[in-house]
Amino acid sequence: MKTGLKYSVVIGVLLLIGYFLSRTVSAVSSTNELKAKRQTVPDFSQLAIQMPSKTVPKTRLKGRTNVIILFNPDCEHCQYEAAEISKNGDAFKKADVWMLTTEKPARVRAFTKQFGLDTLANVCVGILTPDELYKTFGPTAVPHLLIYGPDGNLRKEYKGETKLEAILKYL
């Protein structure tokens, strides 16, 4: 009887170890897939992006440097970055800037007007669903900035507030 109990405990422990090991491998695999996805510019034609301030062809991502900023209109760091982009619009002429959020269109329009982003031809402010944002970029905090070269490959990724000089190095 004692031998059977010992084997049952050992088998139970091994099953638990196997379960937790498989969950860890699955989580690491999922994280690696998302990192791999971020290595190339996303295919915006596959996303339902709302552009409350203007209509922009989704093919603009091809052959130009692209700066993608994931933001929230209430975030002070995001507001700082928007103000810097607005003040230094000429510095971004060789790039397309995509500011993406999951917020309501009215809040996004107000944010866009407040910082004059609607006056910059190469800046697009768009709205994604939370699900699309997660599937495209994975778990992120705002602001989150990705810079893709004309070849479509990721040049630099910044998490958190980013100074203008740091961004301009990669344009």
C-alpha atoms as a PDB file:
ATOM      1  CA  MET A   1       0.000   0.000   0.000  1.00  0.00           C
ATOM      2  CA  LYS A   2       2.769   2.437   0.898  1.00  0.00           C
ATOM      3  CA  THR A   3       4.613   1.684  -2.336  1.00  0.00           C
ATOM      4  CA  GLY A   4       1.484   2.433  -4.385  1.00  0.00           C
ATOM      5  CA  LEU A   5       1.039   5.739  -2.560  1.00  0.00           C
ATOM      6  CA  LYS A   6       4.669   6.681  -3.199  1.00  0.00           C
ATOM      7  CA  TYR A   7       4.286   5.973  -6.917  1.00  0.00           C
ATOM      8  CA  SER A   8       1.051   7.984  -7.029  1.00  0.00           C
ATOM      9  CA  VAL A   9       2.743  10.975  -5.391  1.00  0.00           C
ATOM     10  CA  VAL A  10       5.736  10.735  -7.749  1.00  0.00           C
ATOM     11  CA  ILE A  11       3.454  10.472 -10.796  1.00  0.00           C
ATOM     12  CA  GLY A  12       1.371  13.406  -9.519  1.00  0.00           C
ATOM     13  CA  VAL A  13       4.472  15.560  -9.042  1.00  0.00           C
ATOM     14  CA  LEU A  14       5.766  14.607 -12.500  1.00  0.00           C
ATOM     15  CA  LEU A  15       2.404  15.506 -14.047  1.00  0.00           C
ATOM     16  CA  LEU A  16       2.436  18.891 -12.305  1.00  0.00           C
ATOM     17  CA  ILE A  17       5.984  19.571 -13.467  1.00  0.00           C
ATOM     18  CA  GLY A  18       5.000  18.591 -17.021  1.00  0.00           C
ATOM     19  CA  TYR A  19       1.942  20.852 -16.914  1.00  0.00           C
ATOM     20  CA  PHE A  20       3.881  23.899 -15.715  1.00  0.00           C
ATOM     21  CA  LEU A  21       6.712  23.199 -18.136  1.00  0.00           C
ATOM     22  CA  SER A  22       4.307  23.050 -21.097  1.00  0.00           C
ATOM     23  CA  ARG A  23       2.658  26.341 -20.008  1.00  0.00           C
ATOM     24  CA  THR A  24       6.058  28.028 -19.789  1.00  0.00           C
ATOM     25  CA  VAL A  25       7.094  26.756 -23.228  1.00  0.00           C
ATOM     26  CA  SER A  26       3.773  27.941 -24.665  1.00  0.00           C
ATOM     27  CA  ALA A  27       4.178  31.424 -23.150  1.00  0.00           C
ATOM     28  CA  VAL A  28       7.753  31.750 -24.422  1.00  0.00           C
ATOM     29  CA  SER A  29       6.691  30.567 -27.866  1.00  0.00           C
ATOM     30  CA  SER A  30       3.850  33.109 -27.961  1.00  0.00           C
ATOM     31  CA  THR A  31       6.203  35.920 -26.908  1.00  0.00           C
ATOM     32  CA  ASN A  32       8.720  34.934 -29.580  1.00  0.00           C
ATOM     33  CA  GLU A  33       5.984  34.897 -32.243  1.00  0.00           C
ATOM     34  CA  LEU A  34       4.916  38.424 -31.302  1.00  0.00           C
ATOM     35  CA  LYS A  35       8.526  39.643 -31.344  1.00  0.00           C
ATOM     36  CA  ALA A  36       8.977  38.088 -34.773  1.00  0.00           C
ATOM     37  CA  LYS A  37       5.789  39.780 -36.000  1.00  0.00           C
ATOM     38  CA  ARG A  38       7.100  43.165 -34.866  1.00  0.00           C
ATOM     39  CA  GLN A  39      10.288  42.719 -36.882  1.00  0.00           C
ATOM     40  CA  THR A  40       8.498  43.753 -40.083  1.00  0.00           C
ATOM     41  CA  VAL A  41       6.054  46.570 -40.648  1.00  0.00           C
ATOM     42  CA  PRO A  42       2.476  45.332 -40.167  1.00  0.00           C
ATOM     43  CA  ASP A  43       0.179  44.913 -43.151  1.00  0.00           C
ATOM     44  CA  PHE A  44      -2.276  47.716 -42.484  1.00  0.00           C
ATOM     45  CA  SER A  45      -4.510  46.562 -45.326  1.00  0.00           C
ATOM     46  CA  GLN A  46      -5.442  43.618 -43.093  1.00  0.00           C
ATOM     47  CA  LEU A  47      -6.520  45.907 -40.222  1.00  0.00           C
ATOM     48  CA  ALA A  48      -9.716  47.894 -39.804  1.00  0.00           C
ATOM     49  CA  ILE A  49      -8.121  51.213 -38.873  1.00  0.00           C
ATOM     50  CA  GLN A  50     -10.489  54.139 -38.413  1.00  0.00           C
ATOM     51  CA  MET A  51      -8.998  57.492 -39.326  1.00  0.00           C
ATOM     52  CA  PRO A  52     -11.262  60.077 -37.681  1.00  0.00           C
ATOM     53  CA  SER A  53      -9.428  63.107 -39.054  1.00  0.00           C
ATOM     54  CA  LYS A  54      -8.541  62.081 -42.605  1.00  0.00           C
ATOM     55  CA  THR A  55      -8.572  59.233 -45.047  1.00  0.00           C
ATOM     56  CA  VAL A  56      -5.157  57.878 -45.877  1.00  0.00           C
ATOM     57  CA  PRO A  57      -4.322  55.077 -48.300  1.00  0.00           C
ATOM     58  CA  LYS A  58      -2.984  52.105 -46.364  1.00  0.00           C
ATOM     59  CA  THR A  59      -0.350  51.467 -49.030  1.00  0.00           C
ATOM     60  CA  ARG A  60       1.778  54.382 -47.777  1.00  0.00           C
ATOM     61  CA  LEU A  61       3.801  51.981 -45.662  1.00  0.00           C
ATOM     62  CA  LYS A  62       5.698  50.690 -48.687  1.00  0.00           C
ATOM     63  CA  GLY A  63       9.112  52.161 -49.486  1.00  0.00           C
ATOM     64  CA  ARG A  64       9.255  54.841 -46.769  1.00  0.00           C
ATOM     65  CA  THR A  65      10.433  55.033 -43.199  1.00  0.00           C
ATOM     66  CA  ASN A  66       7.480  54.490 -40.875  1.00  0.00           C
ATOM     67  CA  VAL A  67       7.144  55.548 -37.273  1.00  0.00           C
ATOM     68  CA  ILE A  68       4.324  53.774 -35.457  1.00  0.00           C
ATOM     69  CA  ILE A  69       3.363  55.211 -32.078  1.00  0.00           C
ATOM     70  CA  LEU A  70       0.888  53.394 -29.867  1.00  0.00           C
ATOM     71  CA  PHE A  71      -0.647  56.037 -27.610  1.00  0.00           C
ATOM     72  CA  ASN A  72      -3.456  57.101 -25.302  1.00  0.00           C
ATOM     73  CA  PRO A  73      -4.803  60.679 -25.499  1.00  0.00           C
ATOM     74  CA  ASP A  74      -4.728  61.033 -21.684  1.00  0.00           C
ATOM     75  CA  CYS A  75      -1.100  59.901 -21.341  1.00  0.00           C
ATOM     76  CA  GLU A  76       1.228  62.810 -20.515  1.00  0.00           C
ATOM     77  CA  HIS A  77       4.153  61.098 -22.215  1.00  0.00           C
ATOM     78  CA  CYS A  78       2.067  60.576 -25.350  1.00  0.00           C
ATOM     79  CA  GLN A  79       1.026  64.225 -25.280  1.00  0.00           C
ATOM     80  CA  TYR A  80       4.679  65.246 -25.040  1.00  0.00           C
ATOM     81  CA  GLU A  81       5.563  63.122 -28.076  1.00  0.00           C
ATOM     82  CA  ALA A  82       2.600  64.504 -30.056  1.00  0.00           C
ATOM     83  CA  ALA A  83       3.652  68.077 -29.235  1.00  0.00           C
ATOM     84  CA  GLU A  84       7.241  67.353 -30.319  1.00  0.00           C
ATOM     85  CA  ILE A  85       6.101  65.820 -33.607  1.00  0.00           C
ATOM     86  CA  SER A  86       3.815  68.772 -34.245  1.00  0.00           C
ATOM     87  CA  LYS A  87       6.535  71.361 -33.462  1.00  0.00           C
ATOM     88  CA  ASN A  88       9.114  69.531 -35.558  1.00  0.00           C
ATOM     89  CA  GLY A  89       6.976  68.381 -38.473  1.00  0.00           C
ATOM     90  CA  ASP A  90       9.738  69.186 -40.992  1.00  0.00           C
ATOM     91  CA  ALA A  91      12.053  66.673 -39.325  1.00  0.00           C
ATOM     92  CA  PHE A  92       9.562  63.919 -40.174  1.00  0.00           C
ATOM     93  CA  LYS A  93       9.076  64.767 -43.872  1.00  0.00           C
ATOM     94  CA  LYS A  94      10.970  61.676 -45.004  1.00  0.00           C
ATOM     95  CA  ALA A  95       8.802  59.405 -42.858  1.00  0.00           C
ATOM     96  CA  ASP A  96       5.169  58.511 -42.327  1.00  0.00           C
ATOM     97  CA  VAL A  97       4.015  58.721 -38.732  1.00  0.00           C
ATOM     98  CA  TRP A  98       1.168  56.454 -37.638  1.00  0.00           C
ATOM     99  CA  MET A  99      -0.252  57.210 -34.205  1.00  0.00           C
ATOM    100  CA  LEU A 100      -2.557  54.365 -33.180  1.00  0.00           C
ATOM    101  CA  THR A 101      -4.871  54.047 -30.207  1.00  0.00           C
ATOM    102  CA  THR A 102      -7.913  52.115 -29.016  1.00  0.00           C
ATOM    103  CA  GLU A 103      -9.790  55.174 -27.753  1.00  0.00           C
ATOM    104  CA  LYS A 104     -13.123  56.623 -28.945  1.00  0.00           C
ATOM    105  CA  PRO A 105     -13.157  58.709 -32.165  1.00  0.00           C
ATOM    106  CA  ALA A 106     -14.272  61.922 -30.397  1.00  0.00           C
ATOM    107  CA  ARG A 107     -11.319  61.773 -27.990  1.00  0.00           C
ATOM    108  CA  VAL A 108      -8.933  61.001 -30.840  1.00  0.00           C
ATOM    109  CA  ARG A 109     -10.228  63.936 -32.936  1.00  0.00           C
ATOM    110  CA  ALA A 110      -9.811  66.288 -29.956  1.00  0.00           C
ATOM    111  CA  PHE A 111      -6.262  65.019 -29.370  1.00  0.00           C
ATOM    112  CA  THR A 112      -5.413  65.381 -33.059  1.00  0.00           C
ATOM    113  CA  LYS A 113      -6.690  68.966 -33.179  1.00  0.00           C
ATOM    114  CA  GLN A 114      -5.148  69.936 -29.826  1.00  0.00           C
ATOM    115  CA  PHE A 115      -1.671  69.055 -31.067  1.00  0.00           C
ATOM    116  CA  GLY A 116      -2.175  70.104 -34.701  1.00  0.00           C
ATOM    117  CA  LEU A 117      -1.515  66.609 -35.987  1.00  0.00           C
ATOM    118  CA  ASP A 118      -4.341  66.970 -38.511  1.00  0.00           C
ATOM    119  CA  THR A 119      -2.329  69.679 -40.293  1.00  0.00           C
ATOM    120  CA  LEU A 120       0.667  67.423 -40.965  1.00  0.00           C
ATOM    121  CA  ALA A 121       0.356  65.558 -44.273  1.00  0.00           C
ATOM    122  CA  ASN A 122       2.514  62.610 -43.233  1.00  0.00           C
ATOM    123  CA  VAL A 123       0.927  62.047 -39.806  1.00  0.00           C
ATOM    124  CA  CYS A 124      -2.049  59.695 -39.546  1.00  0.00           C
ATOM    125  CA  VAL A 125      -3.911  59.216 -36.296  1.00  0.00           C
ATOM    126  CA  GLY A 126      -5.940  56.016 -36.281  1.00  0.00           C
ATOM    127  CA  ILE A 127      -8.041  53.781 -34.091  1.00  0.00           C
ATOM    128  CA  LEU A 128      -7.732  50.013 -33.749  1.00  0.00           C
ATOM    129  CA  THR A 129      -9.811  47.639 -31.688  1.00  0.00           C
ATOM    130  CA  PRO A 130      -7.998  46.322 -28.613  1.00  0.00           C
ATOM    131  CA  ASP A 131      -8.030  42.852 -30.192  1.00  0.00           C
ATOM    132  CA  GLU A 132      -6.396  44.090 -33.423  1.00  0.00           C
ATOM    133  CA  LEU A 133      -3.813  46.026 -31.468  1.00  0.00           C
ATOM    134  CA  TYR A 134      -2.900  42.944 -29.433  1.00  0.00           C
ATOM    135  CA  LYS A 135      -2.791  40.612 -32.444  1.00  0.00           C
ATOM    136  CA  THR A 136      -0.587  43.054 -34.362  1.00  0.00           C
ATOM    137  CA  PHE A 137       1.755  44.350 -31.663  1.00  0.00           C
ATOM    138  CA  GLY A 138       1.286  42.043 -28.683  1.00  0.00           C
ATOM    139  CA  PRO A 139       1.054  43.280 -25.118  1.00  0.00           C
ATOM    140  CA  THR A 140       2.197  46.876 -25.001  1.00  0.00           C
ATOM    141  CA  ALA A 141       2.095  49.883 -22.713  1.00  0.00           C
ATOM    142  CA  VAL A 142       1.813  53.448 -23.970  1.00  0.00           C
ATOM    143  CA  PRO A 143       3.647  55.136 -25.421  1.00  0.00           C
ATOM    144  CA  HIS A 144       5.250  52.443 -27.510  1.00  0.00           C
ATOM    145  CA  LEU A 145       7.186  53.506 -30.592  1.00  0.00           C
ATOM    146  CA  LEU A 146       8.395  51.371 -33.500  1.00  0.00           C
ATOM    147  CA  ILE A 147      10.531  52.695 -36.347  1.00  0.00           C
ATOM    148  CA  TYR A 148      10.600  50.710 -39.597  1.00  0.00           C
ATOM    149  CA  GLY A 149      13.005  51.422 -42.448  1.00  0.00           C
ATOM    150  CA  PRO A 150      12.003  51.727 -46.124  1.00  0.00           C
ATOM    151  CA  ASP A 151      12.727  47.992 -46.449  1.00  0.00           C
ATOM    152  CA  GLY A 152       9.938  47.302 -43.931  1.00  0.00           C
ATOM    153  CA  ASN A 153      12.270  45.958 -41.240  1.00  0.00           C
ATOM    154  CA  LEU A 154      12.268  47.174 -37.653  1.00  0.00           C
ATOM    155  CA  ARG A 155      15.080  49.632 -37.007  1.00  0.00           C
ATOM    156  CA  LYS A 156      14.318  50.580 -33.421  1.00  0.00           C
ATOM    157  CA  GLU A 157      11.702  49.995 -30.738  1.00  0.00           C
ATOM    158  CA  TYR A 158      11.150  52.309 -27.776  1.00  0.00           C
ATOM    159  CA  LYS A 159       8.963  51.607 -24.764  1.00  0.00           C
ATOM    160  CA  GLY A 160       7.933  54.715 -22.867  1.00  0.00           C
ATOM    161  CA  GLU A 161       8.455  58.396 -23.570  1.00  0.00           C
ATOM    162  CA  THR A 162      11.036  58.964 -26.281  1.00  0.00           C
ATOM    163  CA  LYS A 163      12.927  62.178 -26.931  1.00  0.00           C
ATOM    164  CA  LEU A 164      12.846  63.627 -30.421  1.00  0.00           C
ATOM    165  CA  GLU A 165      16.607  63.272 -30.912  1.00  0.00           C
ATOM    166  CA  ALA A 166      16.403  59.534 -30.297  1.00  0.00           C
ATOM    167  CA  ILE A 167      13.668  59.137 -32.917  1.00  0.00           C
ATOM    168  CA  LEU A 168      15.386  61.290 -35.521  1.00  0.00           C
ATOM    169  CA  LYS A 169      18.544  59.113 -35.407  1.00  0.00           C
ATOM    170  CA  TYR A 170      16.611  56.306 -37.083  1.00  0.00           C
ATOM    171  CA  LEU A 171      14.686  58.229 -39.765  1.00  0.00           C
END
